[in-house]
Amino acid sequence: MATSVSKVKTDHASRYLQQLCKHWSHRFSVEFDAAAGKVPFSPENFVDLAAEPGTLTMTLTVEKPEDLERMQTVVADHLKRFAFREELDVSWAART
């Protein structure tokens, strides 16, 4: 398993969390509320989302380390599509 975390500074963390979860709920069994969400891309690959004032924290877990970079790009690209009105810095850091 490999895990990475991105803490994205934004005043719209809850809105983006909900948009991401609603978007992926058409394909996956997503659980979310205004403060937290989980998108299970598969049993082994998922992203946990947490909205706090000023920050959206995304914790991505994948079974195969070689899939981590691709999944980071997928999650970041989707977030940036919803946040097109602002320039977000989505930087991932490995979590041990």
C-alpha atoms as a PDB file:
ATOM      1  CA  MET A   1       0.000   0.000   0.000  1.00  0.00           C
ATOM      2  CA  ALA A   2       1.114   3.551  -0.714  1.00  0.00           C
ATOM      3  CA  THR A   3      -0.405   6.723   0.711  1.00  0.00           C
ATOM      4  CA  SER A   4       0.074  10.387  -0.060  1.00  0.00           C
ATOM      5  CA  VAL A   5      -1.520  13.552   1.286  1.00  0.00           C
ATOM      6  CA  SER A   6      -2.271  16.938  -0.240  1.00  0.00           C
ATOM      7  CA  LYS A   7      -3.373  19.917   1.855  1.00  0.00           C
ATOM      8  CA  VAL A   8      -4.924  22.385  -0.573  1.00  0.00           C
ATOM      9  CA  LYS A   9      -5.460  25.962   0.595  1.00  0.00           C
ATOM     10  CA  THR A  10      -8.912  27.192  -0.419  1.00  0.00           C
ATOM     11  CA  ASP A  11     -11.846  29.033   1.091  1.00  0.00           C
ATOM     12  CA  HIS A  12     -14.171  26.573  -0.690  1.00  0.00           C
ATOM     13  CA  ALA A  13     -12.967  23.284   0.804  1.00  0.00           C
ATOM     14  CA  SER A  14     -16.424  21.955   1.705  1.00  0.00           C
ATOM     15  CA  ARG A  15     -17.895  22.904  -1.671  1.00  0.00           C
ATOM     16  CA  TYR A  16     -15.101  21.134  -3.572  1.00  0.00           C
ATOM     17  CA  LEU A  17     -15.294  18.076  -1.322  1.00  0.00           C
ATOM     18  CA  GLN A  18     -19.002  17.751  -2.032  1.00  0.00           C
ATOM     19  CA  GLN A  19     -18.563  18.361  -5.773  1.00  0.00           C
ATOM     20  CA  LEU A  20     -15.878  15.689  -6.029  1.00  0.00           C
ATOM     21  CA  CYS A  21     -17.960  13.192  -4.080  1.00  0.00           C
ATOM     22  CA  LYS A  22     -21.132  13.873  -6.065  1.00  0.00           C
ATOM     23  CA  HIS A  23     -19.187  13.578  -9.318  1.00  0.00           C
ATOM     24  CA  TRP A  24     -17.732  10.183  -8.410  1.00  0.00           C
ATOM     25  CA  SER A  25     -20.956   8.912  -6.811  1.00  0.00           C
ATOM     26  CA  HIS A  26     -22.199   7.997 -10.285  1.00  0.00           C
ATOM     27  CA  ARG A  27     -19.509   5.293 -10.510  1.00  0.00           C
ATOM     28  CA  PHE A  28     -18.577   4.453  -6.915  1.00  0.00           C
ATOM     29  CA  SER A  29     -20.265   3.990  -3.523  1.00  0.00           C
ATOM     30  CA  VAL A  30     -19.253   7.367  -2.132  1.00  0.00           C
ATOM     31  CA  GLU A  31     -19.879   8.479   1.448  1.00  0.00           C
ATOM     32  CA  PHE A  32     -19.766  12.167   2.336  1.00  0.00           C
ATOM     33  CA  ASP A  33     -21.123  15.129   4.229  1.00  0.00           C
ATOM     34  CA  ALA A  34     -20.050  18.772   4.322  1.00  0.00           C
ATOM     35  CA  ALA A  35     -16.868  18.022   6.303  1.00  0.00           C
ATOM     36  CA  ALA A  36     -15.639  14.604   5.177  1.00  0.00           C
ATOM     37  CA  GLY A  37     -15.892  12.155   2.329  1.00  0.00           C
ATOM     38  CA  LYS A  38     -14.512   8.896   0.999  1.00  0.00           C
ATOM     39  CA  VAL A  39     -14.342   7.799  -2.621  1.00  0.00           C
ATOM     40  CA  PRO A  40     -13.578   4.082  -3.020  1.00  0.00           C
ATOM     41  CA  PHE A  41     -12.231   3.712  -6.560  1.00  0.00           C
ATOM     42  CA  SER A  42     -11.838   0.018  -5.685  1.00  0.00           C
ATOM     43  CA  PRO A  43     -11.522  -1.900  -2.406  1.00  0.00           C
ATOM     44  CA  GLU A  44      -7.772  -1.193  -2.401  1.00  0.00           C
ATOM     45  CA  ASN A  45      -7.695   2.321  -3.911  1.00  0.00           C
ATOM     46  CA  PHE A  46      -9.500   5.260  -2.316  1.00  0.00           C
ATOM     47  CA  VAL A  47      -9.288   8.926  -1.428  1.00  0.00           C
ATOM     48  CA  ASP A  48     -10.375  10.374   1.906  1.00  0.00           C
ATOM     49  CA  LEU A  49     -11.364  14.047   1.879  1.00  0.00           C
ATOM     50  CA  ALA A  50     -11.587  16.426   4.833  1.00  0.00           C
ATOM     51  CA  ALA A  51     -12.760  20.037   4.689  1.00  0.00           C
ATOM     52  CA  GLU A  52     -11.596  22.479   7.333  1.00  0.00           C
ATOM     53  CA  PRO A  53     -11.737  26.273   7.222  1.00  0.00           C
ATOM     54  CA  GLY A  54      -9.209  27.255   4.568  1.00  0.00           C
ATOM     55  CA  THR A  55      -7.976  23.757   3.722  1.00  0.00           C
ATOM     56  CA  LEU A  56      -9.094  20.679   1.792  1.00  0.00           C
ATOM     57  CA  THR A  57      -7.061  17.654   2.862  1.00  0.00           C
ATOM     58  CA  MET A  58      -6.955  14.754   0.418  1.00  0.00           C
ATOM     59  CA  THR A  59      -5.446  11.449   1.538  1.00  0.00           C
ATOM     60  CA  LEU A  60      -4.952   9.007  -1.314  1.00  0.00           C
ATOM     61  CA  THR A  61      -4.294   5.318  -0.684  1.00  0.00           C
ATOM     62  CA  VAL A  62      -3.476   2.825  -3.434  1.00  0.00           C
ATOM     63  CA  GLU A  63      -2.605  -0.854  -3.309  1.00  0.00           C
ATOM     64  CA  LYS A  64       0.216  -0.708  -5.877  1.00  0.00           C
ATOM     65  CA  PRO A  65       2.843   2.017  -5.374  1.00  0.00           C
ATOM     66  CA  GLU A  66       3.276   2.261  -9.141  1.00  0.00           C
ATOM     67  CA  ASP A  67      -0.341   3.520  -9.409  1.00  0.00           C
ATOM     68  CA  LEU A  68       0.156   6.362  -6.944  1.00  0.00           C
ATOM     69  CA  GLU A  69       1.347   9.054  -9.343  1.00  0.00           C
ATOM     70  CA  ARG A  70      -1.417   8.332 -11.870  1.00  0.00           C
ATOM     71  CA  MET A  71      -4.113   8.447  -9.192  1.00  0.00           C
ATOM     72  CA  GLN A  72      -2.677  11.670  -7.751  1.00  0.00           C
ATOM     73  CA  THR A  73      -3.039  13.221 -11.202  1.00  0.00           C
ATOM     74  CA  VAL A  74      -6.615  11.956 -11.577  1.00  0.00           C
ATOM     75  CA  VAL A  75      -7.708  13.399  -8.227  1.00  0.00           C
ATOM     76  CA  ALA A  76      -5.869  16.715  -8.726  1.00  0.00           C
ATOM     77  CA  ASP A  77      -7.215  17.168 -12.250  1.00  0.00           C
ATOM     78  CA  HIS A  78     -10.795  16.634 -11.110  1.00  0.00           C
ATOM     79  CA  LEU A  79     -10.377  19.100  -8.257  1.00  0.00           C
ATOM     80  CA  LYS A  80      -8.890  21.721 -10.572  1.00  0.00           C
ATOM     81  CA  ARG A  81     -11.836  21.343 -12.971  1.00  0.00           C
ATOM     82  CA  PHE A  82     -14.271  22.197 -10.171  1.00  0.00           C
ATOM     83  CA  ALA A  83     -12.038  25.006  -8.900  1.00  0.00           C
ATOM     84  CA  PHE A  84     -11.440  26.666 -12.271  1.00  0.00           C
ATOM     85  CA  ARG A  85     -12.119  30.113 -10.773  1.00  0.00           C
ATOM     86  CA  GLU A  86      -9.036  29.917  -8.554  1.00  0.00           C
ATOM     87  CA  GLU A  87      -5.469  28.694  -8.918  1.00  0.00           C
ATOM     88  CA  LEU A  88      -4.963  25.786  -6.518  1.00  0.00           C
ATOM     89  CA  ASP A  89      -1.628  24.344  -5.459  1.00  0.00           C
ATOM     90  CA  VAL A  90      -2.076  20.579  -5.292  1.00  0.00           C
ATOM     91  CA  SER A  91       1.168  19.119  -3.977  1.00  0.00           C
ATOM     92  CA  TRP A  92       1.329  15.533  -2.757  1.00  0.00           C
ATOM     93  CA  ALA A  93       3.592  14.269   0.030  1.00  0.00           C
ATOM     94  CA  ALA A  94       4.236  10.608   0.783  1.00  0.00           C
ATOM     95  CA  ARG A  95       2.802   9.400   4.047  1.00  0.00           C
ATOM     96  CA  THR A  96       4.440   6.605   5.968  1.00  0.00           C
END
